[in-house]
């Protein structure tokens, strides 16, 4: 090869490396890591999907205490949902965010992505071990929710979705594979589902039900359009607990809403006796200052009287069991026969939606779309 040919070859190789690096940085800025390869978004089992951690290292739900009804009345319910937990991605930030919830003694739902590209989370033994030990040390503070399968954008359903608009069989395969992978990572079967991009359809809830996952948490902007409901409701055999607020106000820059905006949102929900579901993404809390903003907001919600902090799982289970009831003054969390009749409103339950989903088109929304 001539000297000139060698120079050209080296230049081409360098250009290719720069291009790959640029694409990787672009994807990483979205809060989702990238592997050495990506797939076409079709759910497939690999050896790693079906190979769990050592059995003695896995969790056993029968040995873990559950969050249970306490027989008390509350003004409002607050749920924190931390999305995009994934293997070996900004682990120090993930731990620092989790530490805030441990130190403040506030429960949080961790929405875990089972697989990124061709790498199941079980390949990240450090991440799985961390999740197991965190749950074992603080069983009432952490819940693991199934956050899709690969978190890829598979359709343009309501702008973007991993599940909505896909054939029912393909959705069922993705959910079954994701559930199995998460079980192999932690030992626990997920009871709730957080759809990537906050979107899903009736086939999604049917596929979830077949896997005994009967609580789903998308976005209120989406459920208002697809189901006509923005607050928690039941439909298709599932409890739907939409996220109502996001820390991030600009998804291009990851700029947060101001503390004043955040507090106004919570204050409105508290005054109305509503369920406040705060969505956050741990990769965006990548500085001490941002994490202190999270702690400050958690403390602000704690400073209000009669606030019940729950996980998505606890809210769904209590709704299914009838131990969480809407009252004229807020909520009652206990067995109905242990409360005075006057504690309950005339229609004291999470609303059951019988209307056909999807009656409102995405273009008729109000532009409050938020990532997940």
Protein backbone atom coordinates (compact mmCIF):
# COMPACT_ATOMS: atom_id res chain seq x y z
CA UNK A 1 0.00 0.00 0.00
CA UNK A 2 1.39 3.44 -0.94
CA UNK A 3 1.93 6.20 1.64
CA UNK A 4 -0.96 8.18 0.18
CA UNK A 5 -3.26 5.16 0.35
CA UNK A 6 -2.33 4.58 3.99
CA UNK A 7 -3.11 8.21 4.83
CA UNK A 8 -6.51 7.97 3.14
CA UNK A 9 -7.31 4.71 4.97
CA UNK A 10 -6.38 6.21 8.34
CA UNK A 11 -8.47 9.32 7.63
CA UNK A 12 -11.53 7.24 6.76
CA UNK A 13 -11.14 5.16 9.93
CA UNK A 14 -10.84 8.28 12.09
CA UNK A 15 -13.94 9.78 10.48
CA UNK A 16 -15.88 6.59 11.21
CA UNK A 17 -14.80 6.66 14.87
CA UNK A 18 -15.83 10.29 15.26
CA UNK A 19 -19.24 9.54 13.70
CA UNK A 20 -19.88 6.60 16.04
CA UNK A 21 -18.80 8.64 19.06
CA UNK A 22 -21.13 11.48 18.09
CA UNK A 23 -24.11 9.15 17.78
CA UNK A 24 -23.30 7.53 21.13
CA UNK A 25 -23.08 10.89 22.90
CA UNK A 26 -26.40 11.92 21.36
CA UNK A 27 -28.15 8.80 22.66
CA UNK A 28 -26.51 9.08 26.07
CA UNK A 29 -27.85 12.61 26.48
CA UNK A 30 -31.33 11.12 26.42
CA UNK A 31 -30.61 9.21 29.61
CA UNK A 32 -30.45 5.79 27.94
CA UNK A 33 -27.09 4.08 27.62
CA UNK A 34 -25.80 2.51 24.44
CA UNK A 35 -24.11 -0.85 23.97
CA UNK A 36 -21.77 -2.16 21.32
CA UNK A 37 -24.75 -3.11 19.17
CA UNK A 38 -28.47 -2.46 18.94
CA UNK A 39 -31.31 -4.66 17.75
CA UNK A 40 -34.43 -3.99 15.75
CA UNK A 41 -36.58 -3.90 18.87
CA UNK A 42 -37.90 -7.48 18.53
CA UNK A 43 -38.09 -9.38 21.80
CA UNK A 44 -35.75 -12.36 21.72
CA UNK A 45 -34.43 -14.58 24.47
CA UNK A 46 -30.68 -14.97 24.79
CA UNK A 47 -28.66 -17.16 27.10
CA UNK A 48 -28.11 -14.16 29.36
CA UNK A 49 -31.85 -13.42 29.50
CA UNK A 50 -32.49 -16.81 31.04
CA UNK A 51 -29.42 -17.07 33.25
CA UNK A 52 -30.15 -15.68 36.73
CA UNK A 53 -27.68 -14.60 39.34
CA UNK A 54 -26.64 -17.20 41.89
CA UNK A 55 -29.80 -18.37 43.66
CA UNK A 56 -28.49 -17.53 47.11
CA UNK A 57 -27.95 -13.93 46.00
CA UNK A 58 -31.53 -13.39 44.80
CA UNK A 59 -34.38 -11.93 46.81
CA UNK A 60 -37.29 -13.98 48.12
CA UNK A 61 -40.49 -11.94 48.42
CA UNK A 62 -41.81 -14.19 51.19
CA UNK A 63 -38.98 -13.03 53.45
CA UNK A 64 -39.47 -9.30 52.81
CA UNK A 65 -41.91 -7.16 54.80
CA UNK A 66 -44.61 -5.44 52.71
CA UNK A 67 -46.04 -1.97 53.02
CA UNK A 68 -49.52 -2.52 54.47
CA UNK A 69 -52.68 -0.54 55.39
CA UNK A 70 -52.31 1.53 58.55
CA UNK A 71 -55.95 2.44 59.25
CA UNK A 72 -55.36 6.17 58.85
CA UNK A 73 -56.93 8.99 56.86
CA UNK A 74 -54.85 11.24 54.62
CA UNK A 75 -55.24 14.51 52.78
CA UNK A 76 -53.17 13.45 49.77
CA UNK A 77 -51.05 10.61 48.38
CA UNK A 78 -47.56 11.13 46.96
CA UNK A 79 -45.69 8.66 44.75
CA UNK A 80 -42.11 9.12 43.52
CA UNK A 81 -41.25 7.21 40.31
CA UNK A 82 -37.58 7.03 39.27
CA UNK A 83 -37.30 5.93 35.63
CA UNK A 84 -34.56 4.45 33.42
CA UNK A 85 -32.71 2.29 35.96
CA UNK A 86 -30.30 0.31 33.78
CA UNK A 87 -27.13 -1.72 33.85
CA UNK A 88 -23.81 0.05 34.52
CA UNK A 89 -25.04 3.51 33.57
CA UNK A 90 -23.98 6.37 35.83
CA UNK A 91 -24.02 4.08 38.89
CA UNK A 92 -22.67 6.75 41.25
CA UNK A 93 -25.54 9.07 40.34
CA UNK A 94 -28.06 6.26 40.72
CA UNK A 95 -26.78 5.45 44.21
CA UNK A 96 -26.70 9.11 45.22
CA UNK A 97 -30.33 9.59 44.20
CA UNK A 98 -31.39 6.41 46.01
CA UNK A 99 -29.55 7.60 49.12
CA UNK A 100 -31.78 10.66 49.27
CA UNK A 101 -34.89 8.48 49.55
CA UNK A 102 -33.22 6.29 52.18
CA UNK A 103 -32.10 9.26 54.25
CA UNK A 104 -35.51 10.96 53.97
CA UNK A 105 -37.31 7.64 54.61
CA UNK A 106 -39.58 8.12 51.60
CA UNK A 107 -40.49 5.16 49.35
CA UNK A 108 -39.75 5.23 45.63
CA UNK A 109 -40.59 3.07 42.62
CA UNK A 110 -37.53 2.20 40.54
CA UNK A 111 -38.55 1.62 36.91
CA UNK A 112 -35.94 -0.83 35.58
CA UNK A 113 -35.12 -1.34 31.89
CA UNK A 114 -34.47 -5.09 31.43
CA UNK A 115 -32.36 -4.83 28.29
CA UNK A 116 -30.43 -2.15 26.41
CA UNK A 117 -29.50 -3.13 22.85
CA UNK A 118 -28.21 -6.69 22.98
CA UNK A 119 -27.28 -6.54 26.66
CA UNK A 120 -29.73 -7.76 29.32
CA UNK A 121 -29.37 -6.18 32.73
CA UNK A 122 -28.25 -9.59 34.03
CA UNK A 123 -24.95 -8.98 32.22
CA UNK A 124 -24.42 -6.11 34.67
CA UNK A 125 -23.88 -8.15 37.80
CA UNK A 126 -22.85 -5.07 39.73
CA UNK A 127 -26.18 -3.38 39.00
CA UNK A 128 -28.23 -6.47 39.89
CA UNK A 129 -26.25 -6.99 43.09
CA UNK A 130 -26.76 -3.35 44.03
CA UNK A 131 -30.53 -3.55 43.45
CA UNK A 132 -30.77 -6.75 45.51
CA UNK A 133 -28.77 -5.38 48.43
CA UNK A 134 -30.64 -2.07 48.40
CA UNK A 135 -34.01 -3.82 48.52
CA UNK A 136 -32.78 -6.23 51.17
CA UNK A 137 -31.55 -3.37 53.37
CA UNK A 138 -34.65 -1.20 52.82
CA UNK A 139 -37.50 -3.53 51.80
CA UNK A 140 -40.28 -0.99 52.43
CA UNK A 141 -38.62 1.88 50.59
CA UNK A 142 -37.90 0.40 47.13
CA UNK A 143 -40.06 -1.23 44.49
CA UNK A 144 -38.79 -2.60 41.17
CA UNK A 145 -41.16 -1.93 38.27
CA UNK A 146 -40.83 -3.29 34.74
CA UNK A 147 -39.87 -0.33 32.51
CA UNK A 148 -40.66 -1.77 29.09
CA UNK A 149 -38.20 -4.19 27.53
CA UNK A 150 -35.50 -2.31 25.59
CA UNK A 151 -36.83 1.25 25.86
CA UNK A 152 -36.56 1.67 22.10
CA UNK A 153 -39.03 3.74 20.09
CA UNK A 154 -40.91 1.12 18.09
CA UNK A 155 -43.92 3.08 16.81
CA UNK A 156 -45.26 6.60 16.38
CA UNK A 157 -48.26 5.82 18.60
CA UNK A 158 -49.04 9.11 20.37
CA UNK A 159 -45.78 10.41 18.90
CA UNK A 160 -43.54 7.69 20.39
CA UNK A 161 -44.00 4.31 22.04
CA UNK A 162 -42.26 1.01 22.64
CA UNK A 163 -45.59 -0.81 22.94
CA UNK A 164 -48.59 1.18 21.75
CA UNK A 165 -49.57 0.24 18.20
CA UNK A 166 -47.52 -2.97 18.06
CA UNK A 167 -49.29 -6.28 17.36
CA UNK A 168 -50.63 -7.90 20.51
CA UNK A 169 -48.38 -10.97 20.14
CA UNK A 170 -45.24 -8.86 19.87
CA UNK A 171 -46.20 -6.85 22.93
CA UNK A 172 -46.81 -10.08 24.85
CA UNK A 173 -43.35 -11.39 23.86
CA UNK A 174 -41.62 -8.18 24.96
CA UNK A 175 -43.39 -8.14 28.32
CA UNK A 176 -42.75 -11.83 29.02
CA UNK A 177 -39.06 -11.49 28.14
CA UNK A 178 -38.64 -8.32 30.18
CA UNK A 179 -40.36 -9.82 33.19
CA UNK A 180 -38.16 -12.93 33.04
CA UNK A 181 -34.99 -10.85 32.75
CA UNK A 182 -35.90 -8.69 35.74
CA UNK A 183 -36.74 -11.79 37.77
CA UNK A 184 -33.33 -13.21 36.92
CA UNK A 185 -31.69 -9.96 38.04
CA UNK A 186 -33.40 -9.57 41.42
CA UNK A 187 -35.39 -12.71 42.20
CA UNK A 188 -38.60 -10.67 42.43
CA UNK A 189 -41.49 -10.80 39.99
CA UNK A 190 -42.48 -7.24 39.05
CA UNK A 191 -46.06 -6.33 39.89
CA UNK A 192 -46.19 -3.01 38.04
CA UNK A 193 -45.31 -1.63 34.63
CA UNK A 194 -43.97 1.77 33.55
CA UNK A 195 -44.18 2.10 29.76
CA UNK A 196 -41.30 3.91 28.06
CA UNK A 197 -42.39 7.30 26.71
CA UNK A 198 -45.43 7.03 29.04
CA UNK A 199 -47.56 5.49 26.26
CA UNK A 200 -49.31 2.13 25.84
CA UNK A 201 -52.59 0.72 24.55
CA UNK A 202 -55.31 -1.77 25.46
CA UNK A 203 -53.22 -4.65 24.08
CA UNK A 204 -50.46 -3.67 26.51
CA UNK A 205 -52.70 -3.97 29.56
CA UNK A 206 -54.04 -7.30 28.25
CA UNK A 207 -50.51 -8.65 27.84
CA UNK A 208 -49.57 -7.38 31.31
CA UNK A 209 -52.62 -9.04 32.83
CA UNK A 210 -51.57 -12.37 31.32
CA UNK A 211 -48.31 -11.98 33.28
CA UNK A 212 -50.18 -11.00 36.50
CA UNK A 213 -48.99 -7.40 36.23
CA UNK A 214 -52.13 -5.41 36.97
CA UNK A 215 -50.88 -1.88 37.69
CA UNK A 216 -49.50 0.47 35.04
CA UNK A 217 -48.07 3.97 35.38
CA UNK A 218 -47.91 6.01 32.17
CA UNK A 219 -48.34 9.76 31.83
CA UNK A 220 -51.43 11.81 32.67
CA UNK A 221 -51.10 13.76 29.39
CA UNK A 222 -51.46 10.41 27.60
CA UNK A 223 -54.24 8.84 29.70
CA UNK A 224 -56.27 12.04 29.40
CA UNK A 225 -56.20 11.60 25.62
CA UNK A 226 -56.46 7.81 25.33
CA UNK A 227 -58.75 7.03 28.27
CA UNK A 228 -60.23 10.43 29.08
CA UNK A 229 -58.75 10.26 32.59
CA UNK A 230 -55.82 12.05 34.19
CA UNK A 231 -56.17 10.78 37.76
CA UNK A 232 -55.89 7.12 38.85
CA UNK A 233 -58.56 4.84 37.39
CA UNK A 234 -59.22 1.20 36.55
CA UNK A 235 -59.72 -0.15 33.04
CA UNK A 236 -59.14 -3.49 31.36
CA UNK A 237 -58.55 -5.18 34.71
CA UNK A 238 -55.64 -2.86 35.53
CA UNK A 239 -55.15 0.03 37.91
CA UNK A 240 -53.72 3.00 36.01
CA UNK A 241 -51.63 5.43 38.10
CA UNK A 242 -50.48 8.20 35.73
CA UNK A 243 -47.48 10.35 36.53
CA UNK A 244 -48.67 13.92 37.02
CA UNK A 245 -45.46 15.94 37.22
CA UNK A 246 -41.88 15.83 35.94
CA UNK A 247 -38.71 17.43 37.24
CA UNK A 248 -37.47 18.07 33.71
CA UNK A 249 -39.13 20.99 31.97
CA UNK A 250 -37.04 20.96 28.78
CA UNK A 251 -36.14 17.53 27.40
CA UNK A 252 -33.61 18.99 24.97
CA UNK A 253 -31.49 20.62 27.67
CA UNK A 254 -32.64 18.57 30.71
CA UNK A 255 -33.43 21.87 32.41
CA UNK A 256 -35.58 21.43 35.51
CA UNK A 257 -38.79 23.19 36.39
CA UNK A 258 -38.20 25.89 38.99
CA UNK A 259 -38.70 25.04 42.65
CA UNK A 260 -41.61 27.49 42.69
CA UNK A 261 -43.31 25.64 39.80
CA UNK A 262 -42.74 22.30 41.48
CA UNK A 263 -44.21 23.48 44.74
CA UNK A 264 -47.24 25.05 43.06
CA UNK A 265 -47.97 21.74 41.36
CA UNK A 266 -47.78 19.84 44.61
CA UNK A 267 -49.78 22.45 46.52
CA UNK A 268 -52.63 22.20 44.00
CA UNK A 269 -52.75 18.40 44.31
CA UNK A 270 -52.59 18.62 48.10
CA UNK A 271 -55.41 21.18 48.26
CA UNK A 272 -57.59 18.96 46.03
CA UNK A 273 -56.79 15.79 47.94
CA UNK A 274 -55.37 14.29 44.74
CA UNK A 275 -52.74 11.67 44.02
CA UNK A 276 -49.45 13.38 43.16
CA UNK A 277 -47.11 11.17 41.08
CA UNK A 278 -43.65 12.71 40.63
CA UNK A 279 -41.65 11.31 37.72
CA UNK A 280 -37.87 11.69 37.80
CA UNK A 281 -34.94 10.28 35.85
CA UNK A 282 -31.85 9.64 37.95
CA UNK A 283 -29.34 10.40 35.12
CA UNK A 284 -30.52 14.03 35.09
CA UNK A 285 -29.49 14.49 38.75
CA UNK A 286 -25.82 14.44 37.82
CA UNK A 287 -24.65 17.28 40.08
CA UNK A 288 -24.77 17.87 43.81
CA UNK A 289 -26.87 21.00 43.24
CA UNK A 290 -29.50 19.07 41.28
CA UNK A 291 -29.66 16.34 43.90
CA UNK A 292 -30.12 18.94 46.62
CA UNK A 293 -33.07 20.29 44.65
CA UNK A 294 -34.56 16.81 44.76
CA UNK A 295 -33.97 16.54 48.50
CA UNK A 296 -35.46 19.98 49.06
CA UNK A 297 -38.60 19.05 47.16
CA UNK A 298 -38.95 15.72 49.01
CA UNK A 299 -38.70 17.60 52.29
CA UNK A 300 -41.27 20.13 51.10
CA UNK A 301 -43.82 17.36 50.49
CA UNK A 302 -42.95 15.83 53.88
CA UNK A 303 -43.59 19.15 55.61
CA UNK A 304 -47.32 18.91 54.88
CA UNK A 305 -49.66 17.18 57.31
CA UNK A 306 -51.46 13.94 56.42
CA UNK A 307 -49.50 13.00 53.32
CA UNK A 308 -49.23 9.29 52.58
CA UNK A 309 -46.14 8.26 50.64
CA UNK A 310 -46.60 5.12 48.55
CA UNK A 311 -44.97 3.16 45.74
CA UNK A 312 -46.85 2.47 42.51
CA UNK A 313 -47.12 -1.15 43.61
CA UNK A 314 -48.61 -0.29 47.00
CA UNK A 315 -51.19 2.03 45.46
CA UNK A 316 -52.21 -0.58 42.88
CA UNK A 317 -52.42 -3.42 45.36
CA UNK A 318 -54.44 -1.36 47.84
CA UNK A 319 -56.84 -0.32 45.08
CA UNK A 320 -57.32 -3.91 43.92
CA UNK A 321 -57.87 -5.08 47.49
CA UNK A 322 -60.21 -2.22 48.36
CA UNK A 323 -58.09 -1.06 51.29
CA UNK A 324 -57.49 2.38 49.75
CA UNK A 325 -60.64 4.45 49.48
CA UNK A 326 -61.40 7.98 48.34
CA UNK A 327 -63.20 9.91 51.09
CA UNK A 328 -64.92 13.26 51.30
CA UNK A 329 -61.74 14.69 52.84
CA UNK A 330 -59.05 12.77 51.01
CA UNK A 331 -58.14 9.09 51.42
CA UNK A 332 -58.56 6.28 53.92
CA UNK A 333 -56.02 3.44 53.96
CA UNK A 334 -57.39 0.46 55.84
CA UNK A 335 -60.10 -2.16 55.92
CA UNK A 336 -63.45 -0.57 55.18
CA UNK A 337 -65.20 -2.30 58.05
CA UNK A 338 -62.74 -0.77 60.52
CA UNK A 339 -63.68 2.82 59.60
CA UNK A 340 -66.71 4.82 60.53
CA UNK A 341 -69.30 4.99 57.70
CA UNK A 342 -69.03 8.78 57.58
CA UNK A 343 -65.40 8.49 56.52
CA UNK A 344 -66.39 7.46 53.00
CA UNK A 345 -67.74 9.53 50.17
CA UNK A 346 -70.76 8.31 48.26
CA UNK A 347 -68.60 6.93 45.46
CA UNK A 348 -65.48 6.01 47.41
CA UNK A 349 -63.25 4.23 44.95
CA UNK A 350 -60.81 4.84 42.14
CA UNK A 351 -62.89 5.51 39.04
CA UNK A 352 -63.61 2.58 36.73
CA UNK A 353 -63.44 3.61 33.07
CA UNK A 354 -65.67 1.67 30.69
CA UNK A 355 -65.33 3.93 27.68
CA UNK A 356 -63.47 2.69 24.60
CA UNK A 357 -59.80 3.78 24.85
CA UNK A 358 -58.34 5.99 22.19
CA UNK A 359 -61.42 8.10 21.59
CA UNK A 360 -59.37 11.32 21.67
CA UNK A 361 -56.66 11.77 19.06
CA UNK A 362 -53.09 12.63 20.02
CA UNK A 363 -53.29 15.87 18.05
CA UNK A 364 -55.99 17.10 20.42
CA UNK A 365 -53.71 17.04 23.45
CA UNK A 366 -52.45 20.09 25.27
CA UNK A 367 -48.75 19.63 24.59
CA UNK A 368 -47.73 18.43 28.06
CA UNK A 369 -45.92 15.40 26.71
CA UNK A 370 -43.07 14.24 28.93
CA UNK A 371 -40.45 11.54 28.54
CA UNK A 372 -40.18 8.36 30.56
